[in-house]
Amino acid sequence: MLPIERLNQIKQRIQVEKNIKISDLSQDLGVSEMTIHRDLKPLIEQGLVVKTFGGISLANMPVTGNQEVCIYCSREIHDTLSYRLILPNNTIEIACCAHCGLLRHKQLEDKVVQAICYDFLRHTTISAQRSYFVMDTSIDLGCCQPQVLSFEWEEHAQKFVRGFGGNVYAFQEAMEVVFDKMNGSSHHHS
């Protein structure tokens, strides 16, 4: 099967199924997972699909509110810092960064089906609930404070902290720490 034929099959399936595992595509199309990742690259770049943990989801699902501003603080969204909350009925809310994403996640709690953010070093999509978050680092990205950086691997987060300072937190703890730091102060930060 030619790459363009695989691409067309993937496009048709994602429209119908909305979420597909990479392993299922690999098995069904008879090619390696690496080949599937290569096939998906243009679909991701075009914004047709988003990478999820172990798979892909249709990207043109309804988004709550204005997609260009953060659901929490109304700042402009930069993809490499964004935090996406996938809610029931395939509704997606986008926060400008992990700081706002964690605060919104805490507000919504059990309503969140999945949360996706970006690995700060590798710029890959990762599951927020399985991520490690760095706070109180000396690097300032010019987004919300206290700044929160997400990492897929705890080892990378620890090495980053050794070089730039800060503290590493697992998901649940990070959500509580950001909430505590923001308690009593406005969430609209400079």
N, C-alpha and C. Protein backbone atom coordinates (compact mmCIF):
# COMPACT_ATOMS: atom_id res chain seq x y z
N MET A 1 0.84 -1.18 0.00
CA MET A 1 0.00 0.00 0.00
C MET A 1 0.89 1.25 0.00
N LEU A 2 0.53 2.21 -0.82
CA LEU A 2 1.29 3.45 -0.91
C LEU A 2 1.00 4.35 0.30
N PRO A 3 1.99 5.20 0.68
CA PRO A 3 1.77 6.11 1.80
C PRO A 3 0.50 6.95 1.66
N ILE A 4 0.22 7.43 0.44
CA ILE A 4 -0.97 8.27 0.23
C ILE A 4 -2.25 7.47 0.48
N GLU A 5 -2.23 6.17 0.15
CA GLU A 5 -3.39 5.31 0.40
C GLU A 5 -3.58 5.11 1.91
N ARG A 6 -2.47 4.90 2.63
CA ARG A 6 -2.55 4.76 4.08
C ARG A 6 -3.09 6.05 4.71
N LEU A 7 -2.58 7.17 4.22
CA LEU A 7 -3.00 8.47 4.74
C LEU A 7 -4.51 8.66 4.56
N ASN A 8 -5.01 8.30 3.40
CA ASN A 8 -6.45 8.43 3.13
C ASN A 8 -7.26 7.51 4.03
N GLN A 9 -6.76 6.30 4.26
CA GLN A 9 -7.46 5.37 5.16
C GLN A 9 -7.47 5.91 6.59
N ILE A 10 -6.33 6.46 7.03
CA ILE A 10 -6.23 7.02 8.38
C ILE A 10 -7.22 8.18 8.51
N LYS A 11 -7.25 9.07 7.50
CA LYS A 11 -8.17 10.22 7.52
C LYS A 11 -9.62 9.76 7.65
N GLN A 12 -9.99 8.75 6.86
CA GLN A 12 -11.37 8.23 6.92
C GLN A 12 -11.69 7.65 8.28
N ARG A 13 -10.76 6.86 8.82
CA ARG A 13 -11.00 6.22 10.13
C ARG A 13 -11.11 7.23 11.27
N ILE A 14 -10.23 8.24 11.28
CA ILE A 14 -10.26 9.21 12.38
C ILE A 14 -11.56 10.02 12.35
N GLN A 15 -12.09 10.28 11.15
CA GLN A 15 -13.37 10.99 11.03
C GLN A 15 -14.50 10.20 11.69
N VAL A 16 -14.46 8.88 11.52
CA VAL A 16 -15.51 8.00 12.06
C VAL A 16 -15.29 7.70 13.54
N GLU A 17 -14.06 7.28 13.87
CA GLU A 17 -13.78 6.78 15.23
C GLU A 17 -13.41 7.87 16.24
N LYS A 18 -12.96 9.03 15.78
CA LYS A 18 -12.55 10.18 16.62
C LYS A 18 -11.25 9.97 17.40
N ASN A 19 -11.01 8.75 17.90
CA ASN A 19 -9.77 8.42 18.64
C ASN A 19 -9.29 7.07 18.16
N ILE A 20 -7.99 6.95 17.85
CA ILE A 20 -7.43 5.68 17.39
C ILE A 20 -6.06 5.48 18.03
N LYS A 21 -5.78 4.25 18.42
CA LYS A 21 -4.46 3.91 18.95
C LYS A 21 -3.49 3.69 17.79
N ILE A 22 -2.24 4.11 17.97
CA ILE A 22 -1.18 3.90 16.97
C ILE A 22 -1.00 2.41 16.71
N SER A 23 -1.02 1.61 17.78
CA SER A 23 -0.83 0.16 17.64
C SER A 23 -1.93 -0.47 16.78
N ASP A 24 -3.17 0.03 16.91
CA ASP A 24 -4.27 -0.49 16.08
C ASP A 24 -4.07 -0.14 14.62
N LEU A 25 -3.65 1.11 14.35
CA LEU A 25 -3.39 1.52 12.96
C LEU A 25 -2.27 0.68 12.36
N SER A 26 -1.21 0.47 13.13
CA SER A 26 -0.07 -0.32 12.69
C SER A 26 -0.51 -1.73 12.31
N GLN A 27 -1.29 -2.35 13.18
CA GLN A 27 -1.74 -3.72 12.95
C GLN A 27 -2.71 -3.78 11.75
N ASP A 28 -3.67 -2.87 11.72
CA ASP A 28 -4.69 -2.88 10.66
C ASP A 28 -4.12 -2.57 9.28
N LEU A 29 -3.10 -1.71 9.23
CA LEU A 29 -2.53 -1.31 7.94
C LEU A 29 -1.28 -2.13 7.57
N GLY A 30 -0.85 -2.99 8.50
CA GLY A 30 0.27 -3.89 8.22
C GLY A 30 1.61 -3.20 8.06
N VAL A 31 1.82 -2.11 8.81
CA VAL A 31 3.11 -1.41 8.78
C VAL A 31 3.56 -1.14 10.22
N SER A 32 4.81 -0.76 10.38
CA SER A 32 5.35 -0.52 11.72
C SER A 32 4.72 0.74 12.34
N GLU A 33 4.82 0.84 13.67
CA GLU A 33 4.33 2.03 14.36
C GLU A 33 5.11 3.26 13.92
N MET A 34 6.42 3.08 13.64
CA MET A 34 7.24 4.20 13.16
C MET A 34 6.69 4.73 11.84
N THR A 35 6.27 3.83 10.95
CA THR A 35 5.69 4.23 9.67
C THR A 35 4.40 5.02 9.91
N ILE A 36 3.58 4.55 10.84
CA ILE A 36 2.34 5.26 11.18
C ILE A 36 2.66 6.67 11.69
N HIS A 37 3.67 6.78 12.56
CA HIS A 37 4.06 8.11 13.07
C HIS A 37 4.47 9.03 11.91
N ARG A 38 5.22 8.49 10.94
CA ARG A 38 5.61 9.29 9.77
C ARG A 38 4.37 9.69 8.96
N ASP A 39 3.44 8.74 8.79
CA ASP A 39 2.20 9.03 8.05
C ASP A 39 1.39 10.13 8.74
N LEU A 40 1.41 10.15 10.07
CA LEU A 40 0.59 11.09 10.83
C LEU A 40 1.16 12.51 10.85
N LYS A 41 2.46 12.64 10.65
CA LYS A 41 3.13 13.94 10.76
C LYS A 41 2.40 15.06 9.98
N PRO A 42 2.07 14.85 8.68
CA PRO A 42 1.37 15.94 7.97
C PRO A 42 -0.02 16.23 8.53
N LEU A 43 -0.71 15.20 9.03
CA LEU A 43 -2.05 15.41 9.60
C LEU A 43 -1.98 16.24 10.89
N ILE A 44 -0.92 15.99 11.67
CA ILE A 44 -0.72 16.74 12.91
C ILE A 44 -0.34 18.18 12.57
N GLU A 45 0.57 18.35 11.60
CA GLU A 45 1.01 19.69 11.20
C GLU A 45 -0.14 20.51 10.63
N GLN A 46 -1.07 19.85 9.91
CA GLN A 46 -2.23 20.54 9.35
C GLN A 46 -3.29 20.81 10.41
N GLY A 47 -3.11 20.24 11.61
CA GLY A 47 -4.06 20.45 12.68
C GLY A 47 -5.31 19.57 12.57
N LEU A 48 -5.26 18.53 11.73
CA LEU A 48 -6.41 17.64 11.58
C LEU A 48 -6.53 16.67 12.74
N VAL A 49 -5.37 16.25 13.28
CA VAL A 49 -5.37 15.34 14.43
C VAL A 49 -4.41 15.87 15.49
N VAL A 50 -4.62 15.45 16.73
CA VAL A 50 -3.68 15.76 17.81
C VAL A 50 -3.19 14.44 18.38
N LYS A 51 -1.91 14.42 18.75
CA LYS A 51 -1.36 13.22 19.37
C LYS A 51 -1.89 13.11 20.78
N THR A 52 -2.26 11.91 21.17
CA THR A 52 -2.67 11.65 22.54
C THR A 52 -1.74 10.58 23.07
N PHE A 53 -1.93 10.16 24.29
CA PHE A 53 -1.05 9.14 24.86
C PHE A 53 -1.30 7.82 24.16
N GLY A 54 -0.38 7.41 23.27
CA GLY A 54 -0.49 6.14 22.56
C GLY A 54 -1.38 6.16 21.34
N GLY A 55 -1.83 7.34 20.94
CA GLY A 55 -2.72 7.37 19.78
C GLY A 55 -2.91 8.77 19.22
N ILE A 56 -4.03 8.92 18.50
CA ILE A 56 -4.39 10.22 17.93
C ILE A 56 -5.87 10.46 18.16
N SER A 57 -6.25 11.75 18.17
CA SER A 57 -7.65 12.14 18.27
C SER A 57 -7.95 13.16 17.18
N LEU A 58 -9.17 13.18 16.74
CA LEU A 58 -9.61 14.16 15.76
C LEU A 58 -9.48 15.54 16.38
N ALA A 59 -8.86 16.47 15.67
CA ALA A 59 -8.58 17.78 16.25
C ALA A 59 -9.73 18.77 16.07
N ASN A 60 -10.53 18.60 15.05
CA ASN A 60 -11.56 19.61 14.82
C ASN A 60 -12.83 19.34 15.60
N MET A 61 -12.63 18.90 16.85
CA MET A 61 -13.76 18.72 17.75
C MET A 61 -14.17 20.09 18.25
N PRO A 62 -15.41 20.23 18.71
CA PRO A 62 -15.83 21.54 19.21
C PRO A 62 -14.96 21.99 20.38
N VAL A 63 -14.58 23.24 20.36
CA VAL A 63 -13.76 23.80 21.42
C VAL A 63 -14.61 24.81 22.17
N THR A 64 -14.55 24.76 23.49
CA THR A 64 -15.32 25.69 24.31
C THR A 64 -14.67 27.06 24.23
N GLY A 65 -15.46 28.07 24.00
CA GLY A 65 -14.94 29.44 24.00
C GLY A 65 -14.06 29.72 22.79
N ASN A 66 -13.24 30.74 22.90
CA ASN A 66 -12.36 31.14 21.81
C ASN A 66 -11.08 30.33 21.87
N GLN A 67 -10.78 29.63 20.79
CA GLN A 67 -9.64 28.73 20.74
C GLN A 67 -8.30 29.46 20.79
N GLU A 68 -8.30 30.74 20.52
CA GLU A 68 -7.03 31.46 20.45
C GLU A 68 -6.60 32.06 21.78
N VAL A 69 -7.48 32.01 22.77
CA VAL A 69 -7.11 32.53 24.08
C VAL A 69 -7.32 31.47 25.15
N CYS A 70 -6.55 31.57 26.20
CA CYS A 70 -6.59 30.63 27.32
C CYS A 70 -7.97 30.61 27.98
N ILE A 71 -8.47 29.43 28.24
CA ILE A 71 -9.76 29.23 28.91
C ILE A 71 -9.73 29.81 30.32
N TYR A 72 -8.54 29.91 30.90
CA TYR A 72 -8.42 30.32 32.30
C TYR A 72 -8.06 31.80 32.47
N CYS A 73 -7.04 32.27 31.74
CA CYS A 73 -6.57 33.65 31.97
C CYS A 73 -6.73 34.56 30.75
N SER A 74 -7.23 34.01 29.64
CA SER A 74 -7.49 34.76 28.40
C SER A 74 -6.24 35.26 27.67
N ARG A 75 -5.06 34.74 28.02
CA ARG A 75 -3.85 35.08 27.26
C ARG A 75 -3.88 34.37 25.91
N GLU A 76 -3.05 34.84 25.00
CA GLU A 76 -2.91 34.17 23.71
C GLU A 76 -2.27 32.79 23.93
N ILE A 77 -2.69 31.82 23.13
CA ILE A 77 -2.18 30.46 23.28
C ILE A 77 -0.99 30.23 22.35
N HIS A 78 0.11 29.72 22.93
CA HIS A 78 1.27 29.29 22.15
C HIS A 78 1.31 27.77 22.24
N ASP A 79 1.22 27.11 21.09
CA ASP A 79 1.08 25.65 21.07
C ASP A 79 2.09 24.90 21.93
N THR A 80 3.35 25.32 21.93
CA THR A 80 4.38 24.55 22.64
C THR A 80 4.27 24.65 24.16
N LEU A 81 3.47 25.56 24.67
CA LEU A 81 3.27 25.66 26.12
C LEU A 81 1.87 25.20 26.51
N SER A 82 0.97 25.04 25.54
CA SER A 82 -0.45 24.81 25.83
C SER A 82 -0.73 23.52 26.59
N TYR A 83 -1.89 23.52 27.21
CA TYR A 83 -2.38 22.40 28.02
C TYR A 83 -3.82 22.20 27.57
N ARG A 84 -4.12 21.03 27.02
CA ARG A 84 -5.46 20.76 26.49
C ARG A 84 -6.22 19.83 27.43
N LEU A 85 -7.44 20.22 27.73
CA LEU A 85 -8.32 19.43 28.58
C LEU A 85 -9.41 18.85 27.68
N ILE A 86 -9.47 17.53 27.60
CA ILE A 86 -10.49 16.88 26.80
C ILE A 86 -11.61 16.46 27.75
N LEU A 87 -12.80 16.97 27.45
CA LEU A 87 -13.96 16.79 28.31
C LEU A 87 -14.97 15.85 27.63
N PRO A 88 -16.02 15.44 28.34
CA PRO A 88 -17.04 14.59 27.71
C PRO A 88 -17.59 15.24 26.44
N ASN A 89 -18.13 14.43 25.54
CA ASN A 89 -18.68 14.89 24.25
C ASN A 89 -17.60 15.49 23.35
N ASN A 90 -16.33 15.06 23.54
CA ASN A 90 -15.21 15.52 22.72
C ASN A 90 -15.04 17.04 22.70
N THR A 91 -15.40 17.68 23.80
CA THR A 91 -15.17 19.12 23.93
C THR A 91 -13.74 19.30 24.42
N ILE A 92 -13.05 20.28 23.85
CA ILE A 92 -11.66 20.55 24.25
C ILE A 92 -11.55 21.98 24.76
N GLU A 93 -10.93 22.13 25.92
CA GLU A 93 -10.58 23.45 26.43
C GLU A 93 -9.07 23.57 26.37
N ILE A 94 -8.59 24.75 25.98
CA ILE A 94 -7.15 24.95 25.86
C ILE A 94 -6.70 26.04 26.81
N ALA A 95 -5.70 25.71 27.61
CA ALA A 95 -5.07 26.68 28.51
C ALA A 95 -3.73 27.09 27.89
N CYS A 96 -3.28 28.32 28.18
CA CYS A 96 -2.06 28.84 27.55
C CYS A 96 -0.81 28.10 28.02
N CYS A 97 -0.86 27.53 29.24
CA CYS A 97 0.34 26.89 29.80
C CYS A 97 -0.08 25.89 30.88
N ALA A 98 0.88 25.14 31.39
CA ALA A 98 0.60 24.14 32.42
C ALA A 98 0.07 24.79 33.70
N HIS A 99 0.51 26.01 34.00
CA HIS A 99 0.02 26.74 35.18
C HIS A 99 -1.51 26.83 35.11
N CYS A 100 -2.03 27.42 34.03
CA CYS A 100 -3.48 27.60 33.88
C CYS A 100 -4.18 26.26 33.66
N GLY A 101 -3.50 25.36 32.96
CA GLY A 101 -4.08 24.04 32.72
C GLY A 101 -4.32 23.28 34.01
N LEU A 102 -3.35 23.31 34.91
CA LEU A 102 -3.50 22.62 36.20
C LEU A 102 -4.60 23.27 37.06
N LEU A 103 -4.67 24.60 37.03
CA LEU A 103 -5.72 25.28 37.80
C LEU A 103 -7.10 24.95 37.25
N ARG A 104 -7.24 24.96 35.92
CA ARG A 104 -8.53 24.62 35.30
C ARG A 104 -8.86 23.14 35.55
N HIS A 105 -7.85 22.29 35.48
CA HIS A 105 -8.03 20.86 35.73
C HIS A 105 -8.59 20.65 37.14
N LYS A 106 -8.05 21.40 38.09
CA LYS A 106 -8.52 21.30 39.49
C LYS A 106 -9.98 21.75 39.59
N GLN A 107 -10.35 22.80 38.84
CA GLN A 107 -11.74 23.27 38.83
C GLN A 107 -12.69 22.19 38.30
N LEU A 108 -12.28 21.55 37.22
CA LEU A 108 -13.15 20.58 36.53
C LEU A 108 -13.10 19.19 37.16
N GLU A 109 -11.96 18.86 37.79
CA GLU A 109 -11.72 17.57 38.44
C GLU A 109 -12.14 16.37 37.60
N ASP A 110 -13.18 15.65 38.02
CA ASP A 110 -13.56 14.39 37.36
C ASP A 110 -14.18 14.56 35.98
N LYS A 111 -14.49 15.80 35.60
CA LYS A 111 -15.07 16.03 34.26
C LYS A 111 -14.02 15.88 33.16
N VAL A 112 -12.73 15.92 33.53
CA VAL A 112 -11.65 15.82 32.53
C VAL A 112 -11.46 14.36 32.13
N VAL A 113 -11.65 14.07 30.83
CA VAL A 113 -11.45 12.72 30.31
C VAL A 113 -9.96 12.47 30.11
N GLN A 114 -9.28 13.46 29.55
CA GLN A 114 -7.83 13.36 29.32
C GLN A 114 -7.25 14.77 29.29
N ALA A 115 -5.99 14.90 29.67
CA ALA A 115 -5.31 16.19 29.60
C ALA A 115 -3.98 15.97 28.88
N ILE A 116 -3.67 16.89 27.98
CA ILE A 116 -2.46 16.76 27.15
C ILE A 116 -1.66 18.05 27.26
N CYS A 117 -0.35 17.89 27.46
CA CYS A 117 0.54 19.05 27.46
C CYS A 117 1.78 18.68 26.65
N TYR A 118 2.76 19.58 26.63
CA TYR A 118 3.97 19.34 25.84
C TYR A 118 5.18 19.18 26.73
N ASP A 119 6.02 18.21 26.40
CA ASP A 119 7.28 18.03 27.10
C ASP A 119 8.15 19.26 26.80
N PHE A 120 8.60 19.94 27.85
CA PHE A 120 9.35 21.19 27.70
C PHE A 120 10.63 21.02 26.88
N LEU A 121 11.33 19.91 27.06
CA LEU A 121 12.59 19.70 26.34
C LEU A 121 12.39 19.11 24.95
N ARG A 122 11.50 18.14 24.84
CA ARG A 122 11.39 17.36 23.60
C ARG A 122 10.29 17.85 22.67
N HIS A 123 9.44 18.76 23.14
CA HIS A 123 8.33 19.31 22.35
C HIS A 123 7.43 18.22 21.77
N THR A 124 7.20 17.16 22.55
CA THR A 124 6.28 16.10 22.14
C THR A 124 5.04 16.18 23.02
N THR A 125 3.94 15.67 22.53
CA THR A 125 2.69 15.68 23.28
C THR A 125 2.73 14.57 24.32
N ILE A 126 2.35 14.90 25.54
CA ILE A 126 2.39 13.92 26.63
C ILE A 126 1.10 13.99 27.45
N SER A 127 0.82 12.92 28.15
CA SER A 127 -0.32 12.88 29.06
C SER A 127 0.02 13.70 30.30
N ALA A 128 -0.80 14.69 30.62
CA ALA A 128 -0.54 15.53 31.79
C ALA A 128 -0.54 14.72 33.08
N GLN A 129 -1.47 13.76 33.17
CA GLN A 129 -1.58 12.99 34.40
C GLN A 129 -0.36 12.12 34.66
N ARG A 130 0.45 11.86 33.64
CA ARG A 130 1.66 11.05 33.80
C ARG A 130 2.92 11.91 33.75
N SER A 131 2.76 13.22 33.73
CA SER A 131 3.89 14.13 33.60
C SER A 131 4.47 14.54 34.94
N TYR A 132 5.64 15.17 34.87
CA TYR A 132 6.29 15.77 36.02
C TYR A 132 6.38 17.25 35.74
N PHE A 133 6.15 18.06 36.75
CA PHE A 133 6.09 19.50 36.56
C PHE A 133 7.15 20.19 37.40
N VAL A 134 7.84 21.17 36.79
CA VAL A 134 8.88 21.93 37.46
C VAL A 134 8.36 23.33 37.73
N MET A 135 8.51 23.77 38.98
CA MET A 135 8.13 25.13 39.39
C MET A 135 9.30 25.80 40.08
N ASP A 136 9.25 27.11 40.17
CA ASP A 136 10.25 27.92 40.88
C ASP A 136 11.63 27.84 40.24
N THR A 137 11.67 27.71 38.91
CA THR A 137 12.94 27.68 38.20
C THR A 137 13.39 29.10 37.88
N SER A 138 14.67 29.28 37.57
CA SER A 138 15.20 30.62 37.27
C SER A 138 14.87 31.07 35.84
N ILE A 139 14.42 30.16 34.99
CA ILE A 139 14.08 30.53 33.61
C ILE A 139 12.68 31.14 33.58
N ASP A 140 12.55 32.26 32.85
CA ASP A 140 11.24 32.91 32.71
C ASP A 140 10.82 32.89 31.25
N LEU A 141 9.73 32.20 30.96
CA LEU A 141 9.24 32.11 29.58
C LEU A 141 8.26 33.23 29.25
N GLY A 142 7.99 34.09 30.20
CA GLY A 142 7.09 35.21 29.96
C GLY A 142 5.62 34.81 29.93
N CYS A 143 5.28 33.69 30.53
CA CYS A 143 3.86 33.30 30.60
C CYS A 143 3.42 33.45 32.06
N CYS A 144 2.48 32.69 32.48
CA CYS A 144 1.86 32.85 33.80
C CYS A 144 2.81 32.47 34.94
N GLN A 145 2.60 33.13 36.09
CA GLN A 145 3.41 32.90 37.29
C GLN A 145 2.54 32.37 38.41
N PRO A 146 2.96 31.47 39.25
CA PRO A 146 4.25 30.79 39.16
C PRO A 146 4.31 29.90 37.93
N GLN A 147 5.41 30.00 37.22
CA GLN A 147 5.59 29.26 35.98
C GLN A 147 5.67 27.76 36.24
N VAL A 148 5.05 26.99 35.35
CA VAL A 148 5.04 25.53 35.46
C VAL A 148 5.50 24.94 34.14
N LEU A 149 6.56 24.13 34.18
CA LEU A 149 7.07 23.46 32.98
C LEU A 149 6.78 21.97 33.09
N SER A 150 6.37 21.36 31.98
CA SER A 150 6.02 19.93 32.02
C SER A 150 7.08 19.07 31.34
N PHE A 151 7.30 17.89 31.92
CA PHE A 151 8.29 16.94 31.43
C PHE A 151 7.68 15.54 31.45
N GLU A 152 7.96 14.75 30.42
CA GLU A 152 7.45 13.39 30.39
C GLU A 152 8.17 12.51 31.41
N TRP A 153 9.47 12.72 31.56
CA TRP A 153 10.26 11.85 32.42
C TRP A 153 10.76 12.62 33.64
N GLU A 154 10.64 11.99 34.79
CA GLU A 154 11.10 12.61 36.04
C GLU A 154 12.61 12.89 35.97
N GLU A 155 13.36 11.99 35.35
CA GLU A 155 14.82 12.17 35.23
C GLU A 155 15.15 13.49 34.51
N HIS A 156 14.43 13.80 33.43
CA HIS A 156 14.67 15.06 32.70
C HIS A 156 14.32 16.26 33.58
N ALA A 157 13.22 16.15 34.31
CA ALA A 157 12.81 17.24 35.20
C ALA A 157 13.87 17.47 36.27
N GLN A 158 14.40 16.39 36.86
CA GLN A 158 15.42 16.51 37.91
C GLN A 158 16.70 17.14 37.36
N LYS A 159 17.11 16.73 36.16
CA LYS A 159 18.31 17.30 35.53
C LYS A 159 18.11 18.79 35.23
N PHE A 160 16.91 19.14 34.77
CA PHE A 160 16.60 20.54 34.49
C PHE A 160 16.72 21.37 35.76
N VAL A 161 16.17 20.86 36.86
CA VAL A 161 16.22 21.53 38.17
C VAL A 161 17.66 21.70 38.65
N ARG A 162 18.50 20.69 38.42
CA ARG A 162 19.91 20.80 38.82
C ARG A 162 20.58 21.96 38.10
N GLY A 163 20.20 22.21 36.86
CA GLY A 163 20.81 23.30 36.10
C GLY A 163 20.16 24.66 36.32
N PHE A 164 18.83 24.69 36.49
CA PHE A 164 18.12 25.96 36.51
C PHE A 164 17.32 26.20 37.80
N GLY A 165 17.46 25.30 38.76
CA GLY A 165 16.75 25.48 40.02
C GLY A 165 15.28 25.08 39.91
N GLY A 166 14.62 25.07 41.06
CA GLY A 166 13.20 24.75 41.08
C GLY A 166 12.91 23.46 41.81
N ASN A 167 11.64 23.03 41.72
CA ASN A 167 11.18 21.82 42.37
C ASN A 167 10.38 20.98 41.38
N VAL A 168 10.45 19.67 41.54
CA VAL A 168 9.74 18.74 40.66
C VAL A 168 8.54 18.16 41.41
N TYR A 169 7.40 18.14 40.73
CA TYR A 169 6.18 17.59 41.32
C TYR A 169 5.50 16.64 40.33
N ALA A 170 4.93 15.56 40.85
CA ALA A 170 4.08 14.70 40.03
C ALA A 170 2.75 15.44 39.84
N PHE A 171 1.92 14.95 38.93
CA PHE A 171 0.69 15.64 38.52
C PHE A 171 -0.19 16.13 39.67
N GLN A 172 -0.66 15.24 40.51
CA GLN A 172 -1.61 15.59 41.57
C GLN A 172 -1.02 16.64 42.52
N GLU A 173 0.24 16.43 42.87
CA GLU A 173 0.92 17.36 43.78
C GLU A 173 1.10 18.72 43.10
N ALA A 174 1.46 18.72 41.82
CA ALA A 174 1.65 19.97 41.08
C ALA A 174 0.35 20.79 41.06
N MET A 175 -0.78 20.10 40.86
CA MET A 175 -2.07 20.77 40.84
C MET A 175 -2.34 21.46 42.19
N GLU A 176 -2.04 20.76 43.27
CA GLU A 176 -2.27 21.32 44.61
C GLU A 176 -1.32 22.48 44.90
N VAL A 177 -0.03 22.34 44.51
CA VAL A 177 0.96 23.39 44.77
C VAL A 177 0.60 24.67 44.02
N VAL A 178 0.23 24.57 42.74
CA VAL A 178 -0.15 25.76 41.97
C VAL A 178 -1.38 26.41 42.60
N PHE A 179 -2.35 25.59 42.95
CA PHE A 179 -3.58 26.10 43.57
C PHE A 179 -3.25 26.84 44.87
N ASP A 180 -2.42 26.23 45.72
CA ASP A 180 -2.03 26.85 46.99
C ASP A 180 -1.29 28.17 46.77
N LYS A 181 -0.38 28.19 45.78
CA LYS A 181 0.40 29.41 45.51
C LYS A 181 -0.52 30.53 45.01
N MET A 182 -1.59 30.14 44.30
CA MET A 182 -2.49 31.14 43.72
C MET A 182 -3.62 31.52 44.69
N ASN A 183 -3.83 30.74 45.72
CA ASN A 183 -4.93 30.99 46.65
C ASN A 183 -4.84 32.38 47.24
N GLY A 184 -5.92 33.10 47.16
CA GLY A 184 -5.93 34.44 47.74
C GLY A 184 -5.41 35.51 46.80
N SER A 185 -4.89 35.11 45.62
CA SER A 185 -4.45 36.13 44.66
C SER A 185 -5.18 35.93 43.34
N SER A 186 -5.23 36.95 42.55
CA SER A 186 -5.93 36.91 41.26
C SER A 186 -5.23 35.94 40.33
N HIS A 187 -6.01 35.25 39.49
CA HIS A 187 -5.39 34.35 38.51
C HIS A 187 -5.03 35.09 37.24
N HIS A 188 -5.27 36.37 37.19
CA HIS A 188 -4.87 37.17 36.00
C HIS A 188 -3.52 37.77 36.30
N HIS A 189 -2.46 37.16 35.78
CA HIS A 189 -1.10 37.50 36.19
C HIS A 189 -0.38 38.31 35.12
N SER A 190 0.68 38.95 35.54
CA SER A 190 1.42 39.80 34.60
C SER A 190 2.53 39.05 33.92
